[in-house]
Amino acid sequence: MHNVLSIQSAVAYGHAGNSSATFPLQRAGVNVYPVYTVTFSNHTGYGSWRGPMIAASDVADVITGIDERGALAGVDAVLAGYLGSADMGQVVLEAAALVKSRNLEAIFLADPVMGDVGRGFYARPGIPEFFRDHVVTAADIMTPNLFELQYLVGHETGTLSQVVEAARELRERGPQIVVVTSVVASDVPDGLLRMLAVDANQAWLVETPMLDRNFTGSGDLTAAMFLAHWLRTKDLGETLGVTASVVYSILEQTSISGETELQLVAAQEQVVNPINKFTAHRLD
């Protein structure tokens, strides 16, 4: 069994951050040490919420306490996403370094949550720069969407091959693996959702049908599922295909339910036996 230290937000109502990642990871057979950066009533997409942001020093104390139990030596990966401040980002980087000092085989997956096409940046000022200037060089795996990838490499993409090259360009700056979600390109048909994964030697693409709406927390779920299956298989193509299968099946069941929030409990069987099966194909 693998162990993951997941440093993310938490919401009481609905699913985002650790509230989107922890249960699916556990259902996939991964033990999780969840560390919360905020404790909100609901995700901020509702426009209003209640609850505290947790001070970066308090988050660091929680991680220190876990280390004092000797648990970090058994952590296989650190998972982190949205950063509320640069101070919190520094805590995440220090936690990843600490875990790697305790376990030389541990990896750090960073989901650079900053913005999206059509919305622009929604992260606080300074956070995109922190991801670009500090997290990229520290991460082993990064999972940007296309908007975030283009920001991190400093230029736009048009064709699918340009997206692949941009992912490789980001890879050369630090992460061993880059996973790009929401891939859009001028030379591929509309109407499908695409994810791309690139490592030192390979590029893989998986396609799924388009669903009827966007889902808050789906990016957190995607990063968590990719990490779970990468730890299990170390096979990039298989991991990408299984991730797409699990995430799409959960989103589809949520859509059918008519509920606003991800139906992680109702759809939990999809984590281990997704009804929809998608296979990634190698691009080169």
Protein backbone atom coordinates (compact mmCIF):
# COMPACT_ATOMS: atom_id res chain seq x y z
CA MET A 1 0.00 0.00 0.00
CA HIS A 2 1.23 3.48 -0.88
CA ASN A 3 1.11 6.54 1.36
CA VAL A 4 0.45 10.09 0.16
CA LEU A 5 0.83 13.38 2.03
CA SER A 6 -1.86 15.59 0.48
CA ILE A 7 -1.59 19.31 1.29
CA GLN A 8 -4.75 21.00 0.01
CA SER A 9 -7.87 22.93 0.93
CA ALA A 10 -10.89 21.31 2.56
CA VAL A 11 -14.58 22.09 2.25
CA ALA A 12 -17.38 20.79 4.47
CA TYR A 13 -20.03 20.94 1.74
CA GLY A 14 -19.16 19.51 -1.64
CA HIS A 15 -15.83 18.42 -3.00
CA ALA A 16 -12.71 20.42 -3.82
CA GLY A 17 -9.06 20.12 -2.82
CA ASN A 18 -8.55 17.41 -0.23
CA SER A 19 -12.31 16.94 -0.08
CA SER A 20 -12.12 15.82 -3.71
CA ALA A 21 -8.86 13.87 -3.51
CA THR A 22 -8.76 12.02 -0.19
CA PHE A 23 -11.68 9.60 -0.46
CA PRO A 24 -10.97 8.56 -4.07
CA LEU A 25 -7.34 7.95 -3.16
CA GLN A 26 -8.42 5.81 -0.22
CA ARG A 27 -10.92 3.95 -2.39
CA ALA A 28 -8.06 3.28 -4.81
CA GLY A 29 -6.11 1.66 -1.98
CA VAL A 30 -3.84 4.59 -1.10
CA ASN A 31 -3.35 5.68 2.50
CA VAL A 32 -3.65 9.47 2.81
CA TYR A 33 -2.31 11.94 5.35
CA PRO A 34 -4.53 14.96 4.56
CA VAL A 35 -3.16 18.34 5.63
CA TYR A 36 -5.58 21.23 5.25
CA THR A 37 -4.67 24.73 4.09
CA VAL A 38 -8.19 26.14 4.56
CA THR A 39 -11.37 24.83 6.14
CA PHE A 40 -14.26 26.40 4.26
CA SER A 41 -17.98 25.74 4.36
CA ASN A 42 -18.00 25.29 0.58
CA HIS A 43 -15.80 26.01 -2.42
CA THR A 44 -15.42 29.62 -3.49
CA GLY A 45 -17.27 29.14 -6.78
CA TYR A 46 -20.50 29.76 -4.89
CA GLY A 47 -19.43 33.38 -4.38
CA SER A 48 -19.72 33.27 -0.60
CA TRP A 49 -18.29 30.94 1.99
CA ARG A 50 -17.34 30.80 5.64
CA GLY A 51 -14.42 29.41 7.54
CA PRO A 52 -10.74 30.11 8.13
CA MET A 53 -7.65 30.12 6.03
CA ILE A 54 -5.06 28.25 8.07
CA ALA A 55 -1.81 30.07 8.73
CA ALA A 56 1.18 28.73 6.84
CA SER A 57 3.02 28.26 10.15
CA ASP A 58 0.17 26.10 11.48
CA VAL A 59 0.24 23.95 8.34
CA ALA A 60 3.99 23.54 8.80
CA ASP A 61 3.40 22.51 12.42
CA VAL A 62 0.98 19.79 11.36
CA ILE A 63 3.56 18.41 8.93
CA THR A 64 6.22 18.55 11.66
CA GLY A 65 3.90 16.58 13.93
CA ILE A 66 3.45 13.90 11.28
CA ASP A 67 7.22 13.74 10.91
CA GLU A 68 7.60 13.36 14.67
CA ARG A 69 5.53 10.20 14.45
CA GLY A 70 8.10 8.84 11.97
CA ALA A 71 5.46 8.64 9.25
CA LEU A 72 7.20 10.66 6.54
CA ALA A 73 9.73 7.89 5.96
CA GLY A 74 6.87 5.83 4.57
CA VAL A 75 5.37 8.55 2.38
CA ASP A 76 5.65 7.72 -1.32
CA ALA A 77 4.39 11.04 -2.68
CA VAL A 78 3.42 14.59 -1.80
CA LEU A 79 0.32 15.94 -3.55
CA ALA A 80 -0.46 19.65 -3.64
CA GLY A 81 -2.72 21.92 -5.68
CA TYR A 82 -4.22 25.36 -5.10
CA LEU A 83 -1.99 27.72 -3.12
CA GLY A 84 -3.65 30.53 -1.19
CA SER A 85 -0.40 32.43 -0.72
CA ALA A 86 3.29 32.32 -1.51
CA ASP A 87 3.92 31.56 2.18
CA MET A 88 1.79 28.44 1.84
CA GLY A 89 3.65 27.55 -1.33
CA GLN A 90 6.92 27.70 0.57
CA VAL A 91 5.51 25.34 3.20
CA VAL A 92 4.55 22.91 0.44
CA LEU A 93 8.04 23.03 -1.09
CA GLU A 94 9.65 22.51 2.31
CA ALA A 95 7.31 19.58 3.00
CA ALA A 96 8.21 17.96 -0.32
CA ALA A 97 11.91 18.40 0.42
CA LEU A 98 11.46 16.98 3.91
CA VAL A 99 9.60 13.92 2.64
CA LYS A 100 12.30 13.33 0.04
CA SER A 101 14.95 13.54 2.74
CA ARG A 102 13.10 10.83 4.67
CA ASN A 103 12.42 8.68 1.60
CA LEU A 104 14.73 9.12 -1.37
CA GLU A 105 12.21 7.43 -3.68
CA ALA A 106 9.34 9.80 -2.85
CA ILE A 107 7.89 12.04 -5.55
CA PHE A 108 6.14 15.43 -5.59
CA LEU A 109 3.05 15.99 -7.75
CA ALA A 110 2.07 19.65 -8.10
CA ASP A 111 -1.19 20.68 -9.72
CA PRO A 112 -0.56 24.35 -10.67
CA VAL A 113 -4.07 25.66 -10.06
CA MET A 114 -4.04 29.22 -11.42
CA GLY A 115 -6.72 29.80 -14.03
CA ASP A 116 -8.45 28.52 -17.13
CA VAL A 117 -9.43 29.46 -20.66
CA GLY A 118 -12.31 31.91 -20.61
CA ARG A 119 -11.77 32.82 -16.96
CA GLY A 120 -8.16 33.95 -17.00
CA PHE A 121 -6.29 33.86 -13.71
CA TYR A 122 -8.28 33.25 -10.54
CA ALA A 123 -5.31 32.56 -8.26
CA ARG A 124 -4.19 35.44 -6.06
CA PRO A 125 -1.55 37.82 -7.44
CA GLY A 126 1.92 36.33 -7.06
CA ILE A 127 0.76 32.71 -7.09
CA PRO A 128 1.23 32.13 -10.86
CA GLU A 129 4.75 33.53 -10.58
CA PHE A 130 5.46 31.30 -7.58
CA PHE A 131 4.40 28.22 -9.52
CA ARG A 132 6.49 29.30 -12.52
CA ASP A 133 9.62 30.35 -10.64
CA HIS A 134 9.73 27.87 -7.76
CA VAL A 135 7.35 24.92 -8.05
CA VAL A 136 8.28 23.92 -11.61
CA THR A 137 11.89 23.21 -10.64
CA ALA A 138 10.85 21.20 -7.55
CA ALA A 139 8.04 19.03 -8.90
CA ASP A 140 8.43 15.52 -10.31
CA ILE A 141 4.96 15.55 -11.90
CA MET A 142 2.88 18.57 -12.91
CA THR A 143 -0.73 18.52 -14.12
CA PRO A 144 -1.55 21.92 -15.69
CA ASN A 145 -4.53 22.58 -17.89
CA LEU A 146 -3.75 24.11 -21.28
CA PHE A 147 -4.11 27.69 -20.03
CA GLU A 148 -1.70 27.01 -17.17
CA LEU A 149 0.77 25.21 -19.43
CA GLN A 150 0.88 28.17 -21.79
CA TYR A 151 1.55 30.54 -18.91
CA LEU A 152 4.30 28.36 -17.45
CA VAL A 153 6.18 28.12 -20.77
CA GLY A 154 5.46 31.71 -21.75
CA HIS A 155 3.75 31.22 -25.10
CA GLU A 156 0.52 30.02 -26.69
CA THR A 157 0.01 26.79 -28.62
CA GLY A 158 -2.01 26.08 -31.74
CA THR A 159 -1.61 22.54 -33.03
CA LEU A 160 -1.46 19.32 -31.05
CA SER A 161 2.24 18.97 -31.83
CA GLN A 162 2.79 22.44 -30.36
CA VAL A 163 1.02 21.37 -27.17
CA VAL A 164 3.30 18.33 -27.00
CA GLU A 165 6.36 20.51 -27.50
CA ALA A 166 5.20 22.96 -24.83
CA ALA A 167 4.76 20.05 -22.39
CA ARG A 168 8.28 18.88 -23.22
CA GLU A 169 9.56 22.42 -22.76
CA LEU A 170 8.04 22.51 -19.28
CA ARG A 171 9.51 19.08 -18.60
CA GLU A 172 12.98 20.33 -19.37
CA ARG A 173 12.66 22.87 -16.58
CA GLY A 174 12.01 20.35 -13.83
CA PRO A 175 9.19 17.79 -13.76
CA GLN A 176 9.86 14.34 -15.13
CA ILE A 177 6.22 13.99 -16.22
CA VAL A 178 3.80 16.65 -17.47
CA VAL A 179 0.10 15.87 -17.76
CA VAL A 180 -1.96 18.44 -19.67
CA THR A 181 -5.71 18.46 -19.12
CA SER A 182 -8.33 20.12 -21.33
CA VAL A 183 -6.17 19.93 -24.44
CA VAL A 184 -7.51 22.00 -27.31
CA ALA A 185 -5.72 22.28 -30.67
CA SER A 186 -6.52 23.64 -34.09
CA ASP A 187 -5.84 20.36 -35.89
CA VAL A 188 -8.02 18.00 -33.82
CA PRO A 189 -11.84 17.77 -33.88
CA ASP A 190 -14.03 19.59 -31.38
CA GLY A 191 -16.45 17.72 -29.16
CA LEU A 192 -13.95 15.61 -27.23
CA LEU A 193 -12.06 16.10 -23.99
CA ARG A 194 -8.37 15.30 -24.24
CA MET A 195 -5.54 14.67 -21.79
CA LEU A 196 -1.89 14.47 -22.75
CA ALA A 197 0.99 12.96 -20.79
CA VAL A 198 4.66 13.42 -21.66
CA ASP A 199 7.82 12.00 -20.13
CA ALA A 200 11.42 11.84 -21.34
CA ASN A 201 10.66 9.41 -24.17
CA GLN A 202 6.93 9.22 -24.79
CA ALA A 203 3.82 11.29 -25.43
CA TRP A 204 0.37 9.76 -24.84
CA LEU A 205 -3.10 11.14 -25.59
CA VAL A 206 -6.49 9.98 -24.34
CA GLU A 207 -9.87 11.20 -25.57
CA THR A 208 -13.27 11.08 -23.86
CA PRO A 209 -16.68 12.43 -24.86
CA MET A 210 -17.61 15.97 -23.83
CA LEU A 211 -20.00 16.24 -20.89
CA ASP A 212 -22.71 18.85 -20.52
CA ARG A 213 -21.04 21.12 -17.95
CA ASN A 214 -17.95 21.87 -15.92
CA PHE A 215 -17.38 20.25 -12.53
CA THR A 216 -15.65 21.95 -9.61
CA GLY A 217 -13.09 19.61 -8.05
CA SER A 218 -12.58 17.53 -11.18
CA GLY A 219 -8.99 18.76 -11.57
CA ASP A 220 -8.19 17.78 -7.97
CA LEU A 221 -9.74 14.38 -8.63
CA THR A 222 -7.74 13.97 -11.85
CA ALA A 223 -4.41 14.76 -10.20
CA ALA A 224 -5.17 12.35 -7.34
CA MET A 225 -6.18 9.50 -9.64
CA PHE A 226 -3.16 9.99 -11.88
CA LEU A 227 -0.89 9.85 -8.84
CA ALA A 228 -2.58 6.74 -7.44
CA HIS A 229 -2.20 4.79 -10.65
CA TRP A 230 1.29 6.07 -11.42
CA LEU A 231 2.46 4.83 -8.02
CA ARG A 232 0.89 1.47 -8.81
CA THR A 233 2.04 0.91 -12.40
CA LYS A 234 4.82 3.38 -13.36
CA ASP A 235 3.35 2.97 -16.87
CA LEU A 236 2.52 6.36 -18.40
CA GLY A 237 0.08 5.19 -21.07
CA GLU A 238 -1.82 2.87 -18.75
CA THR A 239 -1.96 5.50 -16.01
CA LEU A 240 -3.37 8.11 -18.38
CA GLY A 241 -6.02 5.75 -19.72
CA VAL A 242 -7.16 4.56 -16.29
CA THR A 243 -7.24 8.12 -14.97
CA ALA A 244 -9.48 9.23 -17.83
CA SER A 245 -11.72 6.19 -17.32
CA VAL A 246 -12.18 6.82 -13.60
CA VAL A 247 -12.66 10.58 -13.82
CA TYR A 248 -15.05 10.47 -16.77
CA SER A 249 -17.15 7.75 -15.15
CA ILE A 250 -17.49 9.76 -11.92
CA LEU A 251 -18.33 12.95 -13.82
CA GLU A 252 -20.86 11.10 -15.97
CA GLN A 253 -22.62 9.67 -12.91
CA THR A 254 -22.62 13.14 -11.33
CA SER A 255 -24.16 14.60 -14.48
CA ILE A 256 -26.86 11.91 -14.58
CA SER A 257 -27.70 12.57 -10.93
CA GLY A 258 -28.42 16.23 -11.60
CA GLU A 259 -26.42 17.21 -8.52
CA THR A 260 -24.11 20.20 -8.54
CA GLU A 261 -21.30 18.63 -6.52
CA LEU A 262 -19.22 15.60 -7.48
CA GLN A 263 -20.98 12.41 -6.38
CA LEU A 264 -17.87 10.74 -5.02
CA VAL A 265 -19.63 8.46 -2.54
CA ALA A 266 -22.44 7.41 -4.87
CA ALA A 267 -19.93 6.85 -7.69
CA GLN A 268 -17.20 5.24 -5.60
CA GLU A 269 -17.34 1.95 -7.51
CA GLN A 270 -16.14 3.89 -10.56
CA VAL A 271 -12.78 4.41 -8.81
CA VAL A 272 -12.04 0.68 -8.81
CA ASN A 273 -14.14 -0.52 -11.75
CA PRO A 274 -15.07 2.37 -14.05
CA ILE A 275 -18.00 1.65 -16.34
CA ASN A 276 -16.34 3.62 -19.14
CA LYS A 277 -12.98 2.36 -20.37
CA PHE A 278 -10.66 4.59 -22.38
CA THR A 279 -7.27 3.69 -23.80
CA ALA A 280 -4.49 6.19 -24.34
CA HIS A 281 -2.60 6.03 -27.61
CA ARG A 282 1.03 6.91 -28.15
CA LEU A 283 1.77 9.92 -30.31
CA ASP A 284 5.45 9.16 -30.98
